[in-house]
Structures are given as C-alpha cells and as structure tokens.
Amino acid sequence: MSDSQPESLYASREPIFPRRVSGKFRNLKWVIMIVTLGIYYVTPWLRWDRGPQLPDQAVLVDLANRRFFFFWIEIWPHEFYFVAGLLIMAGLGLFLFTSALGRVWCGYACPQTVWTDLYILVERWIEGDRNARLRLHRQKKLDFRKLRLRMTKWVAWFLIGLATGGAWVFYFADAPTLLRDLVTGQAHPVAYTTMLVLTLTTFFFGGFAREQICIYACPWPRIQAAMMDEDTLVVGYREWRGEPRGKGKQREEQGLGDCIDCMACVNVCPVGIDIRDGQQLECITCALCIDACDDMMAKIGKPRGLIDYMALSDEANERAGQAPKSLWKHVFRPRVIMYTSLWSLVGLGLVFALFIRPEIEMTVAPVRNPTFVTLSDGSIRNTYDVRLLNKHGEDRPFRITLNGDPALRVQLEGSPYETVTVPANQTYLQKVYVIAPKGSEAAASERTEFRLWVEDLTTGDRAYNDTVYNGSAN
C-alpha cells in the first residue's frame, strides 16, 4: 500500500482579470448597468404626494402596516395576489428570454453580473488594465505600492457595498428620515444589521467570489437546458470557419482558418472560459468575446462573426455555405410564443384586476354566540362584526344600510345614526345590529337572507355583502 498522499480533487481559485474591450455588446452592458444601478439607488428618494396621512415615498414596502406603495398604486395585505402575479411574470420572463437568447439575463441584468462589472471597473481604475493587475497579483512581496492599491480598492468596494445595503433598507422606511436616524445612531438595530449583511455580501460576491457565484451557487445554469433547444440563439464559435487555428502570415498557403489563436476571447471573458471549446455551463452569454473577436477580425482583414450569436440548427447550413435562418424564425417559434402568451395573459390579468378593484371594501361576520337576542319589547336582534376598509388618504363617513325584508332595520353600536367615520387608510371594526320587530315574518322565520350595504358618502362608492338573519324559530 502506497504511503503517498492521494491527489486532491479540489483546486484553489485562480483569480480572473478580464481585459478591457469595446464594442456594441460592451456598450449595451454599460447602458444596462447604469440604468439598473440608477433605478436601484435613486428609486427610494422619489417622492409622491399621497396626502397628509400617508408616506410621500413613491416606492415603499411598509411592513409595519403591511402595505406596498408603488407611485399611485397601493397594495393591501389581502391583495397579495398582485405580488404573486408579478413573481409569476418574472419567472415566465426568465423562461422567455432564456428560450430565445440563452442566459441573456445572466450576462446583462443579473445583480451579480451588474455589481461584478462595477467592481471590475473600479479595480481597473485603481490597479490598471489586465496586465498590470496580473503583475500585481503575481507579485509576492507586499510593498507599500501594492498595499496602497489593495487598500484603496477594498475601501472603494466597501463603500459601494455600504451604498447597496443602505439603498435596500431605504425601500422599507421613509428614506430621508431613515438616513438621518442612521447617521445619528437612532435607527433600529434591524436596519444596521441588514445594511451590514448586504454590505459584506456585496463586497465578497462582487469583489472576490465573482464567477464562482454564477458557476457554483446559482442554480440557473443547471435549469436553463430545459428552456433551450437547437433554435435558441447563444454565443458560439464557428469552428468550421476558424479551424485549424494558428498564427502566420501565409495563412491561406498553410490552410489555416480565420482564428489566429490570439486569446482575445479568453482574456475578456469574466468567467475565464474558452468559447472555442463549445457551449459550457459557465458561459453567461455576456457576448464580450464577440466584441473582442470582431475587433481582431477587423484588424486582420477577415469577416466579423467568427464568434457570434448563433443557433445549433444553423450549423449544417453554414458549413455548406448556405445562409442561416433569419433572426425572426429563431425568435418566433412555438416555445417562445407560448411563454410570451402566458406572460402577457398574467400581465393583462393583473392590470384588469387593478382597475376593477373597489375603492372601499367590507366583510361581514355574524356573531354566533348567541345567534340572536330577544329584547325587552319582544324584537329579535342579530349582531354582526363588519370590517370597513378605507383606502383613501383622509377620514371618510360611511353609511351602512340593508335591503331585503322591509321589517329589518340597522342600528350601529355606539351611534344613533347609520353612519360611521372610518379613519384614513385603515380597517375599522364596527359592530352592527340588525333588528326585526316582534311578530314580523323575519323575527319568526329561521333564516332570512338580506344584503348589507356600505356607501362612501364623499364619493358615492358602494360595496355590499350578502348574509343571513336568524329569527326565533332557529
């Protein structure tokens, strides 16, 4: 039996230092990064006037009152189906884009990608481009220059993480007020804890883990294959055109392909793969290798598109020198149309539900213990717990009436009138008595159905609830 140590199955991560590249896909990524980060950081500071008794923050998750505000839209706890619908739309949208363009979400708009791009940009500003960063990484001696550059970079990363965590907590409270409390040390410990956790995770994920999150932590690379087929457009290498690769001035004489093995596609890849090896789980479809290869092809006088968005189904036609399918034939196919239809139906359903929801709501719960009470004059009284929801930003007078048996009449607990004032943006519990006089048909019957109405006396909006009156025969 050998005494030698078994070979380790694990290897330490080798940091990746992507080279700077320019081109249409890199420019698209810059635009998406600026827009998404701008939305994330700026949105909590947008104001929206909702009146004196409601928060003026345009987008706010009000956990204390269990409500969600989005500009003019206010979602109450019992309307959580709107949130569920948005999550379903997000999932269907991910399926749709993956079916059409592979991991395009991962390459352009995923938060891990966006923040990693930002961290790499800061790293490049401080430490230099790829070669300079490689030399600094391989430098064993920790001199003053290396320590200065490292500390400057880490401080910048930490501040970005701090801004990220701060922006997140601002979505759950009034941003200006919370900022003042955070600075003065008066904020709730939950706010500080949340900021610390998000700061450290952003710092680690974007600065150190980077592609490891996409490869090992994210489940989507392992699921995406179910959404893709041979017509899905993904980033690929035209091997039949580029091989055999090699360098040399007499390329045509040597029978070499268009690929000069310059490694530009590898050097710009944020996950460190070689796209020329074919489709790989690690590829996030960011298309930076396309920009790098197109730039090199232009320099050597070869046609662009050696690395490009392509579909597997076009390979045979391209090898034979025929034109591939049009873009629209790849995009508009049954699977994509199905996802688009489902996504649209859910969206239209949410919009329809949003516009037909009532401005006032009521629920009626008969009090069953006791079922009825016989009063001193012989009349029969039933009691109901009526919850009234006022969705407006000011107090509103509501009138409660009924229709059904003409002998039945309404009486509100604590008031000689049929009206009650419901506070702004609150659910108000009102005990309501329904009374039938002695000798009436309703008083003698076991069950009498009737409808309880509530009317907003300010706007005239009405809501109703059908319920049952229990007489003495019960």
Protein backbone atom coordinates (compact mmCIF):
# COMPACT_ATOMS: atom_id res chain seq x y z
CA MET A 1 0.00 0.00 0.00
CA SER A 2 1.48 3.36 -1.02
CA ASP A 3 2.25 5.94 1.67
CA SER A 4 1.93 8.84 -0.79
CA GLN A 5 -0.85 11.34 -0.27
CA PRO A 6 -3.84 10.96 -2.65
CA GLU A 7 -4.20 13.64 -5.28
CA SER A 8 -6.53 16.41 -4.17
CA LEU A 9 -9.79 16.71 -6.05
CA TYR A 10 -10.02 20.41 -5.21
CA ALA A 11 -8.05 23.35 -6.55
CA SER A 12 -7.84 26.86 -5.22
CA ARG A 13 -9.49 29.54 -7.30
CA GLU A 14 -7.27 31.33 -9.77
CA PRO A 15 -8.44 34.96 -9.95
CA ILE A 16 -9.68 36.17 -13.32
CA PHE A 17 -8.65 39.59 -14.60
CA PRO A 18 -10.73 40.36 -17.71
CA ARG A 19 -9.18 42.62 -20.31
CA ARG A 20 -10.95 45.82 -21.26
CA VAL A 21 -12.88 45.57 -24.52
CA SER A 22 -15.05 47.91 -26.55
CA GLY A 23 -17.89 47.13 -28.89
CA LYS A 24 -21.66 47.10 -29.22
CA PHE A 25 -22.24 44.41 -26.60
CA ARG A 26 -19.90 46.02 -24.10
CA ASN A 27 -21.65 49.35 -24.68
CA LEU A 28 -25.00 47.64 -24.16
CA LYS A 29 -23.76 46.25 -20.86
CA TRP A 30 -22.63 49.73 -19.77
CA VAL A 31 -26.07 51.15 -20.56
CA ILE A 32 -27.87 48.36 -18.68
CA MET A 33 -25.51 48.72 -15.70
CA ILE A 34 -26.09 52.47 -15.48
CA VAL A 35 -29.87 52.13 -15.83
CA THR A 36 -30.29 49.27 -13.35
CA LEU A 37 -27.96 50.77 -10.73
CA GLY A 38 -29.61 54.15 -11.21
CA ILE A 39 -33.06 52.66 -10.64
CA TYR A 40 -31.87 50.77 -7.57
CA TYR A 41 -30.09 53.68 -5.88
CA VAL A 42 -32.44 56.53 -6.87
CA THR A 43 -35.91 54.98 -6.54
CA PRO A 44 -36.19 55.25 -2.70
CA TRP A 45 -35.66 59.02 -2.97
CA LEU A 46 -38.50 59.64 -5.41
CA ARG A 47 -41.39 61.49 -3.78
CA TRP A 48 -45.13 61.03 -4.38
CA ASP A 49 -47.77 63.17 -2.68
CA ARG A 50 -50.44 60.96 -1.10
CA GLY A 51 -51.88 63.46 1.35
CA PRO A 52 -51.14 64.29 4.98
CA GLN A 53 -51.67 60.83 6.49
CA LEU A 54 -49.71 58.67 4.04
CA PRO A 55 -45.97 58.38 3.27
CA ASP A 56 -44.68 60.52 0.43
CA GLN A 57 -42.21 57.90 -0.82
CA ALA A 58 -43.04 56.76 -4.36
CA VAL A 59 -41.93 53.14 -3.80
CA LEU A 60 -42.23 51.83 -0.26
CA VAL A 61 -42.66 48.42 1.36
CA ASP A 62 -44.48 49.38 4.56
CA LEU A 63 -44.01 46.26 6.70
CA ALA A 64 -45.44 47.91 9.83
CA ASN A 65 -48.80 48.47 8.15
CA ARG A 66 -48.42 45.52 5.74
CA ARG A 67 -48.80 47.60 2.59
CA PHE A 68 -46.85 48.21 -0.59
CA PHE A 69 -46.81 51.59 -2.31
CA PHE A 70 -45.79 51.99 -5.94
CA PHE A 71 -46.39 55.54 -7.13
CA TRP A 72 -50.22 55.81 -7.38
CA ILE A 73 -50.80 52.11 -6.64
CA GLU A 74 -51.36 50.88 -3.09
CA ILE A 75 -51.36 47.13 -2.42
CA TRP A 76 -53.04 45.90 0.78
CA PRO A 77 -52.32 42.59 2.57
CA HIS A 78 -55.40 40.86 1.14
CA GLU A 79 -54.24 41.89 -2.35
CA PHE A 80 -51.02 39.89 -2.21
CA TYR A 81 -52.06 38.17 -5.41
CA PHE A 82 -50.66 41.22 -7.23
CA VAL A 83 -47.21 40.46 -5.81
CA ALA A 84 -47.63 36.77 -6.61
CA GLY A 85 -48.62 37.71 -10.16
CA LEU A 86 -45.52 39.87 -10.58
CA LEU A 87 -43.33 36.99 -9.38
CA ILE A 88 -45.00 34.67 -11.88
CA MET A 89 -44.36 37.23 -14.63
CA ALA A 90 -40.71 37.45 -13.59
CA GLY A 91 -40.35 33.67 -13.81
CA LEU A 92 -42.09 33.48 -17.18
CA GLY A 93 -39.96 36.36 -18.43
CA LEU A 94 -36.82 34.48 -17.43
CA PHE A 95 -38.08 31.40 -19.28
CA LEU A 96 -38.92 33.53 -22.32
CA PHE A 97 -35.53 35.23 -22.62
CA THR A 98 -33.65 32.01 -21.95
CA SER A 99 -35.62 30.17 -24.62
CA ALA A 100 -34.90 32.88 -27.16
CA LEU A 101 -31.37 34.04 -26.25
CA GLY A 102 -29.91 31.65 -23.69
CA ARG A 103 -28.55 33.12 -20.46
CA VAL A 104 -29.00 36.69 -21.61
CA TRP A 105 -30.39 37.64 -18.18
CA CYS A 106 -27.22 36.34 -16.53
CA GLY A 107 -24.96 38.19 -18.94
CA TYR A 108 -26.62 41.60 -18.80
CA ALA A 109 -29.08 42.24 -15.96
CA CYS A 110 -28.45 39.77 -13.12
CA PRO A 111 -27.46 41.71 -9.95
CA GLN A 112 -24.38 39.50 -9.56
CA THR A 113 -23.26 40.45 -13.08
CA VAL A 114 -24.08 44.15 -12.69
CA TRP A 115 -22.26 44.59 -9.38
CA THR A 116 -19.33 42.45 -10.54
CA ASP A 117 -18.99 44.68 -13.62
CA LEU A 118 -18.97 47.70 -11.34
CA TYR A 119 -16.34 46.17 -9.05
CA ILE A 120 -14.13 45.22 -12.02
CA LEU A 121 -14.44 48.76 -13.35
CA VAL A 122 -13.29 50.19 -10.01
CA GLU A 123 -10.47 47.63 -9.88
CA ARG A 124 -9.33 48.67 -13.37
CA TRP A 125 -9.40 52.36 -12.45
CA ILE A 126 -7.22 51.77 -9.39
CA GLU A 127 -4.87 48.96 -10.41
CA GLY A 128 -4.75 49.30 -14.20
CA ASP A 129 -5.73 47.04 -17.07
CA ARG A 130 -5.35 43.28 -17.23
CA ASN A 131 -1.57 43.04 -17.50
CA ALA A 132 -1.00 45.47 -14.65
CA ARG A 133 -3.44 43.60 -12.42
CA LEU A 134 -1.83 40.27 -13.28
CA ARG A 135 1.63 41.60 -12.39
CA LEU A 136 0.31 42.97 -9.10
CA HIS A 137 -1.36 39.65 -8.28
CA ARG A 138 1.79 37.64 -9.03
CA GLN A 139 3.97 39.99 -7.04
CA LYS A 140 4.90 38.06 -3.90
CA LYS A 141 6.35 40.99 -1.99
CA LEU A 142 3.78 43.14 -0.19
CA ASP A 143 5.39 46.55 -0.64
CA PHE A 144 3.86 49.93 0.05
CA ARG A 145 2.53 50.34 -3.51
CA LYS A 146 0.72 47.00 -3.51
CA LEU A 147 -0.70 47.64 -0.04
CA ARG A 148 -1.85 51.14 -1.09
CA LEU A 149 -3.57 49.87 -4.23
CA ARG A 150 -5.21 46.97 -2.41
CA MET A 151 -6.49 49.13 0.45
CA THR A 152 -7.78 51.81 -1.94
CA LYS A 153 -9.63 49.20 -3.97
CA TRP A 154 -11.10 47.47 -0.93
CA VAL A 155 -12.26 50.76 0.59
CA ALA A 156 -13.98 51.66 -2.70
CA TRP A 157 -15.59 48.22 -2.84
CA PHE A 158 -16.75 48.55 0.77
CA LEU A 159 -18.33 51.94 0.10
CA ILE A 160 -20.20 50.51 -2.90
CA GLY A 161 -21.41 47.65 -0.71
CA LEU A 162 -22.43 50.12 2.00
CA ALA A 163 -24.40 52.16 -0.53
CA THR A 164 -26.02 48.93 -1.75
CA GLY A 165 -27.11 47.88 1.72
CA GLY A 166 -28.24 51.41 2.53
CA ALA A 167 -30.35 51.65 -0.61
CA TRP A 168 -32.05 48.36 0.24
CA VAL A 169 -33.21 49.45 3.71
CA PHE A 170 -34.47 52.74 2.29
CA TYR A 171 -37.16 50.78 0.45
CA PHE A 172 -38.71 49.79 3.81
CA ALA A 173 -38.89 53.19 5.52
CA ASP A 174 -39.04 56.86 4.62
CA ALA A 175 -35.60 57.37 3.08
CA PRO A 176 -34.74 60.91 4.36
CA THR A 177 -35.92 60.08 7.88
CA LEU A 178 -34.09 56.75 7.96
CA LEU A 179 -30.89 58.33 6.64
CA ARG A 180 -30.95 60.89 9.44
CA ASP A 181 -31.56 58.16 12.01
CA LEU A 182 -28.75 56.03 10.58
CA VAL A 183 -26.27 58.91 10.73
CA THR A 184 -27.27 59.95 14.26
CA GLY A 185 -27.33 56.37 15.56
CA GLN A 186 -31.07 56.38 16.27
CA ALA A 187 -32.15 53.82 13.67
CA HIS A 188 -33.49 50.41 14.67
CA PRO A 189 -30.83 47.68 15.10
CA VAL A 190 -32.52 45.71 12.30
CA ALA A 191 -31.59 48.49 9.85
CA TYR A 192 -27.93 48.41 10.87
CA THR A 193 -27.83 44.60 10.78
CA THR A 194 -29.43 44.46 7.33
CA MET A 195 -27.01 47.06 5.98
CA LEU A 196 -24.03 45.20 7.42
CA VAL A 197 -25.09 41.86 5.95
CA LEU A 198 -25.75 43.33 2.49
CA THR A 199 -22.53 45.35 2.60
CA LEU A 200 -20.40 42.31 3.38
CA THR A 201 -22.16 40.02 0.89
CA THR A 202 -21.89 42.61 -1.90
CA PHE A 203 -18.22 43.18 -1.03
CA PHE A 204 -17.48 39.44 -1.09
CA PHE A 205 -19.68 38.37 -4.01
CA GLY A 206 -18.70 41.22 -6.34
CA GLY A 207 -15.08 41.58 -5.30
CA PHE A 208 -13.83 38.08 -4.58
CA ALA A 209 -16.31 35.32 -5.45
CA ARG A 210 -17.45 36.79 -8.77
CA GLU A 211 -17.78 33.95 -11.31
CA GLN A 212 -17.85 31.38 -8.52
CA ILE A 213 -21.36 32.55 -7.61
CA CYS A 214 -22.52 32.02 -11.20
CA ILE A 215 -20.84 28.62 -11.52
CA TYR A 216 -21.44 27.03 -8.12
CA ALA A 217 -24.03 29.00 -6.14
CA CYS A 218 -26.60 29.88 -8.80
CA PRO A 219 -28.99 27.05 -9.79
CA TRP A 220 -29.99 28.63 -13.10
CA PRO A 221 -27.11 27.19 -15.22
CA ARG A 222 -28.40 23.72 -14.34
CA ILE A 223 -32.01 24.57 -15.13
CA GLN A 224 -31.57 26.56 -18.33
CA ALA A 225 -31.11 23.48 -20.52
CA ALA A 226 -34.82 22.70 -20.10
CA MET A 227 -35.68 26.10 -21.62
CA MET A 228 -33.35 25.87 -24.62
CA ASP A 229 -33.38 23.90 -27.85
CA GLU A 230 -31.44 23.79 -31.12
CA ASP A 231 -33.04 27.06 -32.28
CA THR A 232 -32.02 29.09 -29.21
CA LEU A 233 -29.58 31.86 -30.08
CA VAL A 234 -26.46 31.57 -27.91
CA VAL A 235 -22.88 32.81 -28.14
CA GLY A 236 -20.86 30.30 -30.13
CA TYR A 237 -17.70 29.80 -32.16
CA ARG A 238 -17.86 28.99 -35.87
CA GLU A 239 -15.42 26.13 -35.66
CA TRP A 240 -15.83 25.23 -39.34
CA ARG A 241 -14.54 28.66 -40.25
CA GLY A 242 -11.90 29.21 -37.58
CA GLU A 243 -10.11 25.83 -37.57
CA PRO A 244 -7.38 24.88 -37.85
CA ARG A 245 -6.28 27.88 -35.86
CA GLY A 246 -2.77 29.24 -35.85
CA LYS A 247 -0.52 32.22 -36.43
CA GLY A 248 1.43 33.12 -39.54
CA LYS A 249 1.49 35.50 -42.46
CA GLN A 250 0.93 32.79 -45.07
CA ARG A 251 -2.30 31.60 -43.55
CA GLU A 252 -4.02 30.74 -46.82
CA GLU A 253 -0.99 28.83 -48.05
CA GLN A 254 -0.86 26.83 -44.82
CA GLY A 255 -4.58 26.05 -44.97
CA LEU A 256 -5.32 27.72 -41.63
CA GLY A 257 -8.71 29.01 -40.56
CA ASP A 258 -9.61 32.55 -39.56
CA CYS A 259 -8.79 32.06 -35.84
CA ILE A 260 -5.25 33.30 -35.14
CA ASP A 261 -5.28 31.96 -31.58
CA CYS A 262 -4.79 35.44 -30.14
CA MET A 263 -6.68 34.51 -26.94
CA ALA A 264 -8.57 37.79 -27.04
CA CYS A 265 -11.89 35.98 -26.48
CA VAL A 266 -10.48 34.22 -23.41
CA ASN A 267 -8.82 37.31 -21.96
CA VAL A 268 -12.07 39.33 -21.93
CA CYS A 269 -14.25 36.54 -20.53
CA PRO A 270 -15.47 37.37 -17.00
CA VAL A 271 -15.78 33.66 -16.14
CA GLY A 272 -12.47 32.64 -17.71
CA ILE A 273 -13.66 30.09 -20.27
CA ASP A 274 -12.64 29.50 -23.88
CA ILE A 275 -15.77 29.77 -26.01
CA ARG A 276 -13.94 27.89 -28.78
CA ASP A 277 -14.35 24.72 -26.71
CA GLY A 278 -18.11 24.85 -27.32
CA GLN A 279 -21.09 25.60 -25.10
CA GLN A 280 -20.25 25.38 -21.40
CA LEU A 281 -22.22 25.62 -18.20
CA GLU A 282 -20.06 28.56 -17.05
CA CYS A 283 -20.90 30.79 -20.04
CA ILE A 284 -23.21 33.64 -19.04
CA THR A 285 -23.79 34.82 -22.64
CA CYS A 286 -22.37 38.30 -22.00
CA ALA A 287 -21.05 38.43 -25.60
CA LEU A 288 -17.84 40.26 -24.69
CA CYS A 289 -15.94 37.59 -26.62
CA ILE A 290 -17.88 38.64 -29.73
CA ASP A 291 -16.66 42.22 -29.36
CA ALA A 292 -13.07 41.06 -28.81
CA CYS A 293 -13.09 38.67 -31.79
CA ASP A 294 -14.81 41.13 -34.13
CA ASP A 295 -12.17 43.72 -33.28
CA MET A 296 -9.40 41.24 -34.08
CA MET A 297 -11.04 40.12 -37.33
CA ALA A 298 -11.25 43.75 -38.44
CA LYS A 299 -7.52 44.18 -37.78
CA ILE A 300 -6.50 41.17 -39.90
CA GLY A 301 -8.99 41.89 -42.66
CA LYS A 302 -11.32 38.94 -42.05
CA PRO A 303 -15.14 38.98 -41.89
CA ARG A 304 -16.67 39.56 -38.48
CA GLY A 305 -18.80 36.91 -36.81
CA LEU A 306 -16.24 34.18 -36.11
CA ILE A 307 -17.73 34.28 -32.61
CA ASP A 308 -21.35 35.38 -32.69
CA TYR A 309 -24.90 34.72 -31.57
CA MET A 310 -25.96 31.60 -33.45
CA ALA A 311 -28.24 28.58 -33.23
CA LEU A 312 -27.23 24.95 -33.38
CA SER A 313 -29.80 24.30 -36.09
CA ASP A 314 -27.91 26.62 -38.47
CA GLU A 315 -24.62 24.74 -38.22
CA ALA A 316 -25.24 22.36 -41.13
CA ASN A 317 -26.37 25.17 -43.45
CA GLU A 318 -23.40 27.35 -42.59
CA ARG A 319 -20.93 24.51 -43.06
CA ALA A 320 -22.42 24.01 -46.53
CA GLY A 321 -22.04 27.71 -47.29
CA GLN A 322 -25.76 28.43 -47.12
CA ALA A 323 -27.41 31.32 -45.30
CA PRO A 324 -28.72 30.62 -41.77
CA LYS A 325 -32.33 31.13 -40.78
CA SER A 326 -33.47 34.69 -40.21
CA LEU A 327 -33.45 36.08 -36.68
CA TRP A 328 -37.25 36.17 -36.56
CA LYS A 329 -37.57 32.47 -37.39
CA HIS A 330 -35.37 31.68 -34.40
CA VAL A 331 -37.20 34.03 -32.06
CA PHE A 332 -40.81 33.42 -33.12
CA ARG A 333 -41.17 29.69 -32.64
CA PRO A 334 -43.79 27.73 -30.62
CA ARG A 335 -41.89 27.65 -27.33
CA VAL A 336 -41.16 31.37 -27.32
CA ILE A 337 -44.71 32.21 -28.44
CA MET A 338 -46.11 30.07 -25.61
CA TYR A 339 -44.01 31.82 -22.96
CA THR A 340 -44.87 35.22 -24.43
CA SER A 341 -48.59 34.41 -24.42
CA LEU A 342 -48.54 33.20 -20.81
CA TRP A 343 -46.52 36.24 -19.72
CA SER A 344 -48.94 38.58 -21.48
CA LEU A 345 -52.02 36.88 -20.06
CA VAL A 346 -50.75 37.19 -16.50
CA GLY A 347 -49.86 40.83 -17.10
CA LEU A 348 -53.23 41.68 -18.61
CA GLY A 349 -54.97 39.86 -15.77
CA LEU A 350 -53.10 41.96 -13.18
CA VAL A 351 -53.90 45.19 -15.00
CA PHE A 352 -57.57 44.22 -15.26
CA ALA A 353 -57.71 43.30 -11.56
CA LEU A 354 -56.01 46.56 -10.66
CA PHE A 355 -58.60 48.69 -12.44
CA ILE A 356 -61.68 46.83 -11.25
CA ARG A 357 -60.77 46.59 -7.57
CA PRO A 358 -63.18 48.59 -5.37
CA GLU A 359 -62.14 51.73 -3.51
CA ILE A 360 -63.94 50.55 -0.36
CA GLU A 361 -64.30 47.03 0.93
CA MET A 362 -66.30 45.34 3.66
CA THR A 363 -66.53 41.94 5.29
CA VAL A 364 -69.44 40.76 7.42
CA ALA A 365 -69.16 38.08 10.11
CA PRO A 366 -72.34 37.14 12.05
CA VAL A 367 -71.80 36.76 15.78
CA ARG A 368 -72.89 33.20 16.63
CA ASN A 369 -72.72 33.30 20.40
CA PRO A 370 -75.58 33.92 20.89
CA THR A 371 -77.22 33.56 17.50
CA PHE A 372 -79.88 36.12 18.40
CA VAL A 373 -81.06 38.14 21.40
CA THR A 374 -84.70 38.81 22.38
CA LEU A 375 -85.08 42.41 23.51
CA SER A 376 -87.48 43.70 26.19
CA ASP A 377 -90.05 44.76 23.60
CA GLY A 378 -90.02 41.27 22.02
CA SER A 379 -87.99 42.23 18.95
CA ILE A 380 -85.20 39.93 17.77
CA ARG A 381 -81.68 41.28 17.37
CA ASN A 382 -78.74 39.74 15.45
CA THR A 383 -75.19 41.05 15.83
CA TYR A 384 -72.60 41.31 13.03
CA ASP A 385 -68.93 42.28 13.02
CA VAL A 386 -68.48 44.49 9.98
CA ARG A 387 -64.95 45.41 8.90
CA LEU A 388 -64.76 48.50 6.72
CA LEU A 389 -61.63 49.28 4.70
CA ASN A 390 -61.00 52.91 3.78
CA LYS A 391 -58.29 53.06 1.07
CA HIS A 392 -58.25 56.84 0.90
CA GLY A 393 -55.78 59.24 2.48
CA GLU A 394 -58.38 61.01 4.61
CA ASP A 395 -61.14 60.03 7.03
CA ARG A 396 -64.37 59.14 5.27
CA PRO A 397 -68.00 58.91 6.53
CA PHE A 398 -69.57 55.55 5.59
CA ARG A 399 -73.29 54.81 5.76
CA ILE A 400 -74.47 51.26 6.44
CA THR A 401 -77.90 50.17 5.19
CA LEU A 402 -79.63 46.95 4.18
CA ASN A 403 -82.20 45.72 1.75
CA GLY A 404 -84.25 42.57 1.82
CA ASP A 405 -87.12 42.09 4.28
CA PRO A 406 -88.62 45.60 4.87
CA ALA A 407 -89.16 44.76 8.53
CA LEU A 408 -85.41 44.59 9.21
CA ARG A 409 -83.62 47.73 10.38
CA VAL A 410 -79.97 48.58 11.08
CA GLN A 411 -78.53 50.02 14.27
CA LEU A 412 -74.83 50.80 14.82
CA GLU A 413 -73.25 50.20 18.19
CA GLY A 414 -72.30 53.48 19.85
CA SER A 415 -74.24 55.68 17.41
CA PRO A 416 -77.88 56.59 16.91
CA TYR A 417 -77.22 57.10 13.21
CA GLU A 418 -76.46 54.82 10.28
CA THR A 419 -73.09 56.47 9.57
CA VAL A 420 -69.63 55.82 10.93
CA THR A 421 -66.36 57.65 10.26
CA VAL A 422 -63.58 55.31 9.11
CA PRO A 423 -60.02 56.61 9.63
CA ALA A 424 -57.81 57.10 6.60
CA ASN A 425 -56.04 54.02 5.24
CA GLN A 426 -57.31 51.79 7.99
CA THR A 427 -59.57 48.82 8.55
CA TYR A 428 -62.29 49.72 11.06
CA LEU A 429 -64.34 47.18 13.03
CA GLN A 430 -67.94 48.25 13.57
CA LYS A 431 -70.47 46.17 15.45
CA VAL A 432 -73.81 46.29 13.62
CA TYR A 433 -77.19 45.21 14.96
CA VAL A 434 -80.00 44.05 12.68
CA ILE A 435 -83.38 44.07 14.42
CA ALA A 436 -86.75 42.59 13.44
CA PRO A 437 -89.87 43.73 15.38
CA LYS A 438 -91.96 41.26 17.33
CA GLY A 439 -94.50 39.44 15.19
CA SER A 440 -92.74 40.16 11.90
CA GLU A 441 -92.09 37.40 9.42
CA ALA A 442 -88.29 37.79 9.77
CA ALA A 443 -88.49 37.50 13.57
CA ALA A 444 -90.47 34.28 13.34
CA SER A 445 -88.50 32.72 10.46
CA GLU A 446 -85.48 30.50 10.91
CA ARG A 447 -83.41 32.25 8.21
CA THR A 448 -83.91 35.44 6.25
CA GLU A 449 -81.40 36.44 3.62
CA PHE A 450 -80.57 40.12 3.17
CA ARG A 451 -77.86 42.34 1.75
CA LEU A 452 -75.82 44.74 3.85
CA TRP A 453 -74.61 47.83 2.02
CA VAL A 454 -71.90 50.37 2.80
CA GLU A 455 -71.68 53.71 0.98
CA ASP A 456 -68.87 56.25 0.95
CA LEU A 457 -70.78 59.50 1.46
CA THR A 458 -67.92 61.52 -0.05
CA THR A 459 -67.64 59.77 -3.41
CA GLY A 460 -70.82 57.68 -3.57
CA ASP A 461 -68.84 54.44 -3.97
CA ARG A 462 -70.72 51.41 -2.64
CA ALA A 463 -69.95 47.84 -1.61
CA TYR A 464 -72.18 45.05 -0.29
CA ASN A 465 -72.12 41.67 1.39
CA ASP A 466 -74.89 39.07 1.46
CA THR A 467 -75.59 37.47 4.81
CA VAL A 468 -78.40 35.81 6.85
CA TYR A 469 -80.67 36.96 9.65
CA ASN A 470 -81.62 34.32 12.25
CA GLY A 471 -85.10 34.52 13.76
CA SER A 472 -86.53 32.99 16.94
CA ALA A 473 -87.58 29.81 15.12
CA ASN A 474 -83.89 28.83 14.80
